[in-house]
């Protein structure tokens, strides 16, 4: 694999802000704009999944607990539940749907069960002091609503991804959910990899002017956040994929 562009070169060509952070075993790696706070789109769902994983390990939640969907949970944009007739799902089902297909309805139901404040408190306890959820998922989002679902920094999210590579119970559960993600079109898109080899575990986010991807590539935790004007999405995707090539080049 030929050497990719530097992160600084990739960020300079991005029509907006590109933030990248890499965290290898035990130490931070290369970064650009790692402390810049940006909208996360569905990458913010990782905070919810982390809290659910910790609550399952601590006995606060039961994966088999049924959750009845209510009308306010239903939300378009991504997922499967809008097209399915069943209205009762377990906590474990909702978490898997959130991780695997970024199901917005499942996310809202799970967030209603857990609570926004609890998710943010758990994130802060893990060291994510500037990365937080602001609201549930809404389609569309009106001026009366919080401006976005989640905000955060690449540096903090790379740290969370690195934690998911650990061997503790909740970390293993979080990584298993991330392994189930079906969207590999951003950071790993230009990198040759075996989808069956558990080499990649990630969560992506897409919205108008937002393309984000946080996860584990091999043993390296990463966060790539791109934010630009509406209509720049194709260029944002290009920047995120170029950052993916850079991260892949760090693999031993």
Protein backbone atom coordinates (compact mmCIF):
# COMPACT_ATOMS: atom_id res chain seq x y z
CA UNK A 1 0.00 0.00 0.00
CA UNK A 2 1.51 3.32 -1.04
CA UNK A 3 1.81 6.04 1.59
CA UNK A 4 -1.37 8.17 1.72
CA UNK A 5 -1.57 11.93 2.05
CA UNK A 6 -0.95 13.41 5.48
CA UNK A 7 -3.92 14.23 7.68
CA UNK A 8 -3.12 17.92 7.30
CA UNK A 9 -3.26 17.63 3.51
CA UNK A 10 -6.55 15.72 3.61
CA UNK A 11 -8.07 18.23 6.03
CA UNK A 12 -6.94 21.19 3.92
CA UNK A 13 -8.73 19.78 0.87
CA UNK A 14 -11.97 19.14 2.77
CA UNK A 15 -14.74 21.72 2.09
CA UNK A 16 -15.41 22.33 5.77
CA UNK A 17 -13.84 20.81 8.84
CA UNK A 18 -12.24 17.38 8.96
CA UNK A 19 -11.35 16.12 12.43
CA UNK A 20 -9.37 12.91 12.86
CA UNK A 21 -7.98 11.19 15.93
CA UNK A 22 -6.24 7.83 16.21
CA UNK A 23 -5.57 5.99 19.44
CA UNK A 24 -3.38 2.92 19.43
CA UNK A 25 -2.87 0.57 22.36
CA UNK A 26 -1.91 2.75 25.31
CA UNK A 27 -1.16 6.00 23.51
CA UNK A 28 -2.65 8.66 21.24
CA UNK A 29 -1.64 8.57 17.60
CA UNK A 30 -1.79 11.10 14.74
CA UNK A 31 -4.56 13.68 14.83
CA UNK A 32 -5.89 16.82 13.18
CA UNK A 33 -8.56 19.10 14.67
CA UNK A 34 -9.06 16.46 17.35
CA UNK A 35 -10.48 18.93 19.89
CA UNK A 36 -12.91 20.69 17.54
CA UNK A 37 -16.53 20.12 18.55
CA UNK A 38 -18.63 18.94 15.60
CA UNK A 39 -22.11 17.48 14.99
CA UNK A 40 -22.00 13.69 15.02
CA UNK A 41 -25.23 12.48 13.40
CA UNK A 42 -25.74 8.80 14.24
CA UNK A 43 -22.22 8.32 15.62
CA UNK A 44 -23.74 9.80 18.78
CA UNK A 45 -25.62 6.51 19.18
CA UNK A 46 -22.34 5.01 20.43
CA UNK A 47 -22.84 6.88 23.71
CA UNK A 48 -26.24 5.24 24.12
CA UNK A 49 -24.85 1.82 23.26
CA UNK A 50 -21.98 2.25 25.73
CA UNK A 51 -24.41 3.13 28.55
CA UNK A 52 -26.65 0.18 27.70
CA UNK A 53 -23.64 -2.17 27.64
CA UNK A 54 -22.47 -0.92 31.05
CA UNK A 55 -26.00 -1.19 32.46
CA UNK A 56 -26.32 -4.77 31.23
CA UNK A 57 -23.02 -5.67 32.86
CA UNK A 58 -24.04 -3.97 36.10
CA UNK A 59 -27.46 -5.62 36.24
CA UNK A 60 -29.30 -2.30 35.88
CA UNK A 61 -30.79 -3.45 32.58
CA UNK A 62 -31.77 -6.91 31.34
CA UNK A 63 -31.17 -7.65 27.65
CA UNK A 64 -34.43 -9.61 27.61
CA UNK A 65 -36.57 -6.80 29.03
CA UNK A 66 -39.43 -6.02 26.62
CA UNK A 67 -39.90 -2.44 25.44
CA UNK A 68 -43.18 -1.44 23.82
CA UNK A 69 -42.77 1.05 20.99
CA UNK A 70 -44.89 4.19 21.28
CA UNK A 71 -45.95 6.41 18.42
CA UNK A 72 -43.43 9.10 19.34
CA UNK A 73 -40.55 6.62 18.95
CA UNK A 74 -41.16 6.13 15.25
CA UNK A 75 -38.77 8.07 13.05
CA UNK A 76 -37.65 7.82 9.45
CA UNK A 77 -34.18 8.34 8.08
CA UNK A 78 -32.64 4.92 8.71
CA UNK A 79 -33.57 1.52 10.06
CA UNK A 80 -36.07 -1.27 9.67
CA UNK A 81 -38.73 -0.82 12.35
CA UNK A 82 -40.83 1.56 10.28
CA UNK A 83 -41.47 -1.35 7.92
CA UNK A 84 -42.06 -4.04 10.56
CA UNK A 85 -45.38 -4.70 12.26
CA UNK A 86 -44.14 -5.88 15.66
CA UNK A 87 -44.26 -3.21 18.36
CA UNK A 88 -42.58 -5.03 21.26
CA UNK A 89 -38.84 -5.63 21.22
CA UNK A 90 -36.30 -6.45 23.89
CA UNK A 91 -33.57 -4.10 25.07
CA UNK A 92 -31.05 -6.37 23.35
CA UNK A 93 -33.01 -6.29 20.10
CA UNK A 94 -33.19 -2.50 20.13
CA UNK A 95 -29.46 -2.17 20.81
CA UNK A 96 -28.61 -4.52 17.95
CA UNK A 97 -30.92 -2.67 15.56
CA UNK A 98 -29.34 0.63 16.62
CA UNK A 99 -25.84 -0.70 16.00
CA UNK A 100 -26.40 -2.80 12.89
CA UNK A 101 -28.68 -0.59 10.76
CA UNK A 102 -28.66 2.65 12.77
CA UNK A 103 -32.40 2.26 13.36
CA UNK A 104 -33.74 5.63 14.46
CA UNK A 105 -36.94 4.18 15.93
CA UNK A 106 -34.98 1.64 17.96
CA UNK A 107 -32.66 4.41 19.13
CA UNK A 108 -35.56 6.55 20.32
CA UNK A 109 -37.20 3.66 22.17
CA UNK A 110 -33.93 2.69 23.84
CA UNK A 111 -33.13 6.29 24.71
CA UNK A 112 -36.61 6.71 26.22
CA UNK A 113 -35.99 3.61 28.37
CA UNK A 114 -32.52 4.68 29.53
CA UNK A 115 -32.81 8.47 29.65
CA UNK A 116 -30.74 11.18 28.03
CA UNK A 117 -29.20 12.37 31.30
CA UNK A 118 -28.00 8.87 32.17
CA UNK A 119 -26.35 8.47 28.78
CA UNK A 120 -24.49 11.75 29.13
CA UNK A 121 -23.48 11.03 32.73
CA UNK A 122 -22.01 7.68 31.67
CA UNK A 123 -20.14 9.33 28.79
CA UNK A 124 -18.70 11.96 31.14
CA UNK A 125 -17.58 9.21 33.53
CA UNK A 126 -15.65 7.66 30.64
CA UNK A 127 -13.91 10.98 29.98
CA UNK A 128 -16.16 12.28 27.22
CA UNK A 129 -16.77 15.71 28.70
CA UNK A 130 -17.48 17.52 25.41
CA UNK A 131 -19.21 14.67 23.60
CA UNK A 132 -22.90 14.34 24.45
CA UNK A 133 -26.43 13.79 23.20
CA UNK A 134 -28.66 16.84 22.94
CA UNK A 135 -31.94 15.20 21.98
CA UNK A 136 -33.65 12.14 20.57
CA UNK A 137 -33.65 11.50 16.81
CA UNK A 138 -36.09 13.70 14.91
CA UNK A 139 -37.03 13.70 11.22
CA UNK A 140 -37.51 16.52 10.45
CA UNK A 141 -35.83 18.71 13.08
CA UNK A 142 -37.63 22.04 13.55
CA UNK A 143 -36.30 25.39 14.84
CA UNK A 144 -38.02 24.68 18.16
CA UNK A 145 -35.94 21.52 18.67
CA UNK A 146 -32.32 21.26 19.83
CA UNK A 147 -30.14 22.01 16.79
CA UNK A 148 -28.73 18.50 16.39
CA UNK A 149 -28.83 15.02 17.90
CA UNK A 150 -25.27 14.92 19.23
CA UNK A 151 -22.04 16.90 19.41
CA UNK A 152 -18.52 15.79 20.16
CA UNK A 153 -14.81 15.70 19.40
CA UNK A 154 -12.74 13.22 17.44
CA UNK A 155 -10.24 12.96 20.29
CA UNK A 156 -12.84 11.84 22.83
CA UNK A 157 -14.56 9.48 20.42
CA UNK A 158 -11.30 7.80 19.43
CA UNK A 159 -10.80 7.19 23.13
CA UNK A 160 -14.23 5.54 23.37
CA UNK A 161 -13.45 3.38 20.33
CA UNK A 162 -10.18 2.33 21.94
CA UNK A 163 -12.08 1.32 25.09
CA UNK A 164 -14.29 -0.90 22.93
CA UNK A 165 -11.17 -2.85 22.05
CA UNK A 166 -10.69 -3.88 25.67
CA UNK A 167 -11.46 -7.19 27.32
CA UNK A 168 -13.98 -6.22 30.01
CA UNK A 169 -17.58 -7.38 29.79
CA UNK A 170 -19.24 -4.14 28.69
CA UNK A 171 -16.39 -3.36 26.29
CA UNK A 172 -16.80 -6.75 24.62
CA UNK A 173 -20.53 -6.17 24.28
CA UNK A 174 -20.03 -2.72 22.76
CA UNK A 175 -17.48 -4.11 20.30
CA UNK A 176 -19.84 -6.94 19.31
CA UNK A 177 -22.57 -4.43 18.51
CA UNK A 178 -20.11 -2.33 16.49
CA UNK A 179 -19.03 -5.45 14.60
CA UNK A 180 -22.65 -5.87 13.51
CA UNK A 181 -22.69 -2.51 11.72
CA UNK A 182 -23.59 -2.93 8.05
CA UNK A 183 -22.28 0.44 6.79
CA UNK A 184 -18.66 0.20 5.66
CA UNK A 185 -18.89 2.97 3.07
CA UNK A 186 -16.85 5.64 4.85
CA UNK A 187 -13.50 5.05 6.62
CA UNK A 188 -12.93 1.48 5.36
CA UNK A 189 -14.39 1.92 1.88
CA UNK A 190 -11.04 2.16 0.05
CA UNK A 191 -9.24 -0.34 2.27
CA UNK A 192 -9.13 -4.01 1.35
CA UNK A 193 -10.48 -6.04 4.23
CA UNK A 194 -12.37 -9.20 5.05
CA UNK A 195 -15.77 -8.36 6.50
CA UNK A 196 -15.90 -11.78 8.18
CA UNK A 197 -12.57 -11.41 9.98
CA UNK A 198 -13.71 -9.05 12.78
CA UNK A 199 -11.07 -6.60 11.58
CA UNK A 200 -13.46 -3.67 11.55
CA UNK A 201 -15.95 -2.60 14.21
CA UNK A 202 -17.54 0.81 13.69
CA UNK A 203 -20.51 3.17 13.77
CA UNK A 204 -21.22 5.73 11.08
CA UNK A 205 -23.35 8.85 10.88
CA UNK A 206 -24.78 10.74 7.92
CA UNK A 207 -26.86 13.88 7.70
CA UNK A 208 -26.91 17.01 5.57
CA UNK A 209 -23.35 18.31 5.62
CA UNK A 210 -22.21 15.55 8.01
CA UNK A 211 -20.25 12.35 7.46
CA UNK A 212 -18.80 10.62 10.54
CA UNK A 213 -17.22 7.25 11.33
CA UNK A 214 -15.87 5.99 14.66
CA UNK A 215 -14.51 2.54 15.34
CA UNK A 216 -11.72 0.02 15.53
CA UNK A 217 -9.57 -0.87 12.54
CA UNK A 218 -7.43 -3.79 13.52
CA UNK A 219 -6.21 -2.81 16.96
CA UNK A 220 -6.43 0.94 16.35
CA UNK A 221 -9.27 3.11 17.64
CA UNK A 222 -10.20 5.97 15.34
CA UNK A 223 -12.66 8.82 14.90
CA UNK A 224 -13.17 10.72 11.63
CA UNK A 225 -15.67 13.59 11.64
CA UNK A 226 -16.41 15.72 8.58
CA UNK A 227 -18.72 18.72 8.58
CA UNK A 228 -19.32 21.11 5.72
CA UNK A 229 -22.00 23.10 3.90
CA UNK A 230 -25.09 21.42 2.50
CA UNK A 231 -24.29 20.02 -0.92
CA UNK A 232 -20.68 19.16 -0.02
CA UNK A 233 -21.44 15.58 1.03
CA UNK A 234 -19.60 13.92 -1.86
CA UNK A 235 -16.43 15.84 -1.04
CA UNK A 236 -16.87 15.05 2.66
CA UNK A 237 -17.10 11.35 1.85
CA UNK A 238 -13.91 11.63 -0.21
CA UNK A 239 -12.08 13.25 2.72
CA UNK A 240 -13.29 10.62 5.19
CA UNK A 241 -12.21 7.80 2.88
CA UNK A 242 -8.78 9.37 2.40
CA UNK A 243 -8.45 9.53 6.18
CA UNK A 244 -9.35 5.83 6.21
CA UNK A 245 -6.42 5.09 3.92
CA UNK A 246 -4.16 7.01 6.28
CA UNK A 247 -5.42 5.03 9.30
CA UNK A 248 -5.04 1.72 7.47
CA UNK A 249 -1.42 2.63 6.69
CA UNK A 250 -0.75 2.73 10.45
CA UNK A 251 -1.56 -0.97 10.84
CA UNK A 252 1.42 -3.18 11.72
